Amino acid sequence: MRKLFYLLAGLACCLLLSPRLIAQNPTITGTITDASGNAVGGASIVVQPAGKGTTSDADGKFTLTIPPAPG
């Protein structure tokens, strides 16, 4: 009986948590530099075709969360 309880509890957890795991939006972080290795502040970073974007800070660093794919 105890094994059945643990099995059902594990199955319930998987069913409840799976949409949250699938729906995670990945985050990209990085640093934009020029050919000499100098940071490029104010550079535009855009994800196509979503059109979601951001700009780098004065040190060339950026963080961008990617939206889920449509469909």
Protein backbone atom coordinates (compact mmCIF):
# COMPACT_ATOMS: atom_id res chain seq x y z
CA MET A 1 0.00 0.00 0.00
CA ARG A 2 2.84 2.35 0.82
CA LYS A 3 4.46 1.73 -2.57
CA LEU A 4 1.21 2.60 -4.32
CA PHE A 5 0.97 5.84 -2.32
CA TYR A 6 4.52 6.86 -3.28
CA LEU A 7 3.88 5.96 -6.89
CA LEU A 8 0.72 8.06 -7.03
CA ALA A 9 2.37 10.94 -5.17
CA GLY A 10 5.30 10.89 -7.60
CA LEU A 11 2.97 10.79 -10.58
CA ALA A 12 0.96 13.71 -9.20
CA CYS A 13 4.15 15.76 -8.72
CA CYS A 14 5.26 15.04 -12.27
CA LEU A 15 1.90 16.07 -13.67
CA LEU A 16 1.75 19.25 -11.61
CA LEU A 17 5.34 20.34 -12.26
CA SER A 18 5.71 19.41 -15.93
CA PRO A 19 3.93 22.49 -17.36
CA ARG A 20 6.22 24.75 -15.32
CA LEU A 21 9.31 22.93 -16.54
CA ILE A 22 8.23 23.09 -20.16
CA ALA A 23 7.17 26.74 -19.99
CA GLN A 24 10.49 28.06 -18.76
CA ASN A 25 11.87 30.96 -20.73
CA PRO A 26 15.61 30.61 -21.30
CA THR A 27 17.79 33.57 -20.38
CA ILE A 28 20.84 34.59 -22.40
CA THR A 29 23.57 36.67 -20.79
CA GLY A 30 26.77 37.89 -22.33
CA THR A 31 29.17 40.69 -23.10
CA ILE A 32 29.44 42.50 -26.43
CA THR A 33 33.01 43.35 -27.46
CA ASP A 34 34.63 44.76 -30.57
CA ALA A 35 37.48 43.12 -32.51
CA SER A 36 40.00 44.52 -30.01
CA GLY A 37 38.16 43.07 -27.02
CA ASN A 38 36.82 46.41 -25.80
CA ALA A 39 33.29 46.46 -24.34
CA VAL A 40 30.61 47.94 -26.60
CA GLY A 41 28.01 49.85 -24.60
CA GLY A 42 24.57 50.52 -26.06
CA ALA A 43 24.71 47.66 -28.58
CA SER A 44 21.33 46.24 -29.65
CA ILE A 45 20.64 42.54 -29.25
CA VAL A 46 17.47 41.23 -30.96
CA VAL A 47 16.01 37.70 -31.15
CA GLN A 48 14.43 36.96 -34.51
CA PRO A 49 11.60 36.35 -35.41
CA ALA A 50 10.15 37.26 -32.00
CA GLY A 51 11.54 40.77 -32.19
CA LYS A 52 12.37 40.68 -28.47
CA GLY A 53 15.50 42.63 -27.68
CA THR A 54 17.64 44.57 -25.26
CA THR A 55 20.71 46.79 -25.22
CA SER A 56 24.06 46.27 -23.55
CA ASP A 57 25.09 48.43 -20.60
CA ALA A 58 28.19 50.65 -20.47
CA ASP A 59 30.35 47.55 -19.79
CA GLY A 60 28.88 45.69 -22.80
CA LYS A 61 26.92 43.27 -20.60
CA PHE A 62 23.36 42.22 -21.39
CA THR A 63 20.63 39.86 -20.21
CA LEU A 64 17.79 38.73 -22.45
CA THR A 65 14.90 36.39 -21.67
CA ILE A 66 13.72 34.49 -24.74
CA PRO A 67 9.93 34.21 -25.13
CA PRO A 68 8.44 30.77 -25.81
CA ALA A 69 7.97 29.82 -29.44
CA PRO A 70 4.44 30.42 -30.76
CA GLY A 71 2.29 27.52 -31.58
